[in-house]
């Protein structure tokens, strides 16, 4: 499961985000969003596996982002052109449509 999560992260294009639920659905279990969060929190290589591109179902950034906190996540997203307002991303604009990754 862990490697599939990281594989998914590497497929997210620059300037796009996904939700924990999207990753869980991709893995075949929509109710495993919390497990996805745990995997992301233990990410061994942020540069290889860009977990900063994951937000909650409302577009909110993670208060507990493992690689420098919420400010660092905001900074990394903004560097890719994602507009972050009040630590929230507009999913109608920035959500990655991952249907092309369906098995």
Protein backbone atom coordinates (compact mmCIF):
# COMPACT_ATOMS: atom_id res chain seq x y z
CA UNK A 1 0.00 0.00 0.00
CA UNK A 2 2.79 2.41 0.94
CA UNK A 3 4.52 2.21 -2.45
CA UNK A 4 1.20 2.70 -4.28
CA UNK A 5 0.64 5.91 -2.29
CA UNK A 6 4.10 7.19 -3.22
CA UNK A 7 3.56 6.17 -6.84
CA UNK A 8 0.35 8.22 -6.84
CA UNK A 9 2.15 11.27 -5.40
CA UNK A 10 4.76 11.13 -8.14
CA UNK A 11 2.00 11.24 -10.79
CA UNK A 12 0.49 14.54 -9.57
CA UNK A 13 1.38 17.28 -12.05
CA UNK A 14 3.01 20.54 -11.02
CA UNK A 15 0.43 23.04 -9.77
CA UNK A 16 -2.15 20.41 -8.78
CA UNK A 17 -3.25 18.88 -5.47
CA UNK A 18 -5.18 15.82 -4.36
CA UNK A 19 -7.08 14.88 -1.23
CA UNK A 20 -6.40 12.04 1.17
CA UNK A 21 -9.72 10.57 0.03
CA UNK A 22 -8.69 10.63 -3.62
CA UNK A 23 -5.63 8.58 -2.81
CA UNK A 24 -7.68 6.19 -0.67
CA UNK A 25 -10.19 5.74 -3.50
CA UNK A 26 -7.35 5.09 -5.94
CA UNK A 27 -6.13 2.37 -3.57
CA UNK A 28 -9.59 0.78 -3.59
CA UNK A 29 -10.82 1.74 -0.14
CA UNK A 30 -12.41 5.17 0.21
CA UNK A 31 -12.46 4.77 3.99
CA UNK A 32 -8.67 4.46 4.31
CA UNK A 33 -7.94 8.21 4.12
CA UNK A 34 -6.56 8.17 7.67
CA UNK A 35 -4.17 5.34 6.77
CA UNK A 36 -3.03 7.38 3.77
CA UNK A 37 -2.31 10.27 6.15
CA UNK A 38 -0.17 8.03 8.33
CA UNK A 39 1.81 6.86 5.32
CA UNK A 40 2.37 10.44 4.21
CA UNK A 41 3.47 11.48 7.69
CA UNK A 42 6.16 8.79 7.54
CA UNK A 43 7.30 9.66 4.02
CA UNK A 44 11.03 8.86 3.82
CA UNK A 45 11.79 11.23 0.93
CA UNK A 46 9.77 14.42 0.43
CA UNK A 47 11.66 15.35 -2.73
CA UNK A 48 10.87 12.01 -4.38
CA UNK A 49 7.34 11.70 -2.92
CA UNK A 50 5.75 15.19 -2.90
CA UNK A 51 3.34 14.80 -0.01
CA UNK A 52 2.91 18.59 0.23
CA UNK A 53 0.45 18.23 -2.68
CA UNK A 54 -2.10 16.47 -0.43
CA UNK A 55 -4.85 18.47 1.27
CA UNK A 56 -8.01 17.54 3.14
CA UNK A 57 -11.42 17.12 1.48
CA UNK A 58 -12.11 20.85 1.87
CA UNK A 59 -8.77 21.94 0.42
CA UNK A 60 -7.21 22.78 3.79
CA UNK A 61 -3.49 22.37 4.27
CA UNK A 62 -2.16 20.06 6.97
CA UNK A 63 -1.46 21.67 10.35
CA UNK A 64 0.91 18.76 10.97
CA UNK A 65 2.82 18.71 7.67
CA UNK A 66 5.80 16.51 8.46
CA UNK A 67 8.38 18.51 6.54
CA UNK A 68 8.31 21.93 8.19
CA UNK A 69 4.70 22.55 9.14
CA UNK A 70 1.83 24.31 7.44
CA UNK A 71 3.89 27.34 6.38
CA UNK A 72 6.33 25.11 4.48
CA UNK A 73 3.48 23.27 2.75
CA UNK A 74 1.98 26.63 1.74
CA UNK A 75 5.33 27.83 0.42
CA UNK A 76 5.91 24.68 -1.65
CA UNK A 77 2.44 24.85 -3.20
CA UNK A 78 2.79 28.54 -4.00
CA UNK A 79 6.14 27.83 -5.69
CA UNK A 80 4.17 25.64 -8.10
CA UNK A 81 1.62 28.36 -8.79
CA UNK A 82 -1.11 27.11 -6.47
CA UNK A 83 -2.98 29.97 -4.81
CA UNK A 84 -3.36 29.36 -1.08
CA UNK A 85 -5.75 31.63 0.83
CA UNK A 86 -6.19 31.22 4.57
CA UNK A 87 -4.27 27.94 4.32
CA UNK A 88 -6.84 26.58 1.87
CA UNK A 89 -6.67 25.63 -1.81
CA UNK A 90 -9.64 25.97 -4.17
CA UNK A 91 -10.18 22.37 -5.24
CA UNK A 92 -12.40 23.42 -8.14
CA UNK A 93 -9.29 24.96 -9.68
CA UNK A 94 -6.32 22.95 -8.40
CA UNK A 95 -7.59 19.40 -7.82
CA UNK A 96 -5.87 16.85 -10.03
CA UNK A 97 -8.26 14.65 -12.00
CA UNK A 98 -6.64 11.30 -11.46
CA UNK A 99 -9.14 9.22 -13.43
CA UNK A 100 -6.38 8.50 -15.93
CA UNK A 101 -4.62 6.49 -13.19
CA UNK A 102 -7.49 4.03 -12.75
CA UNK A 103 -6.35 0.41 -12.80
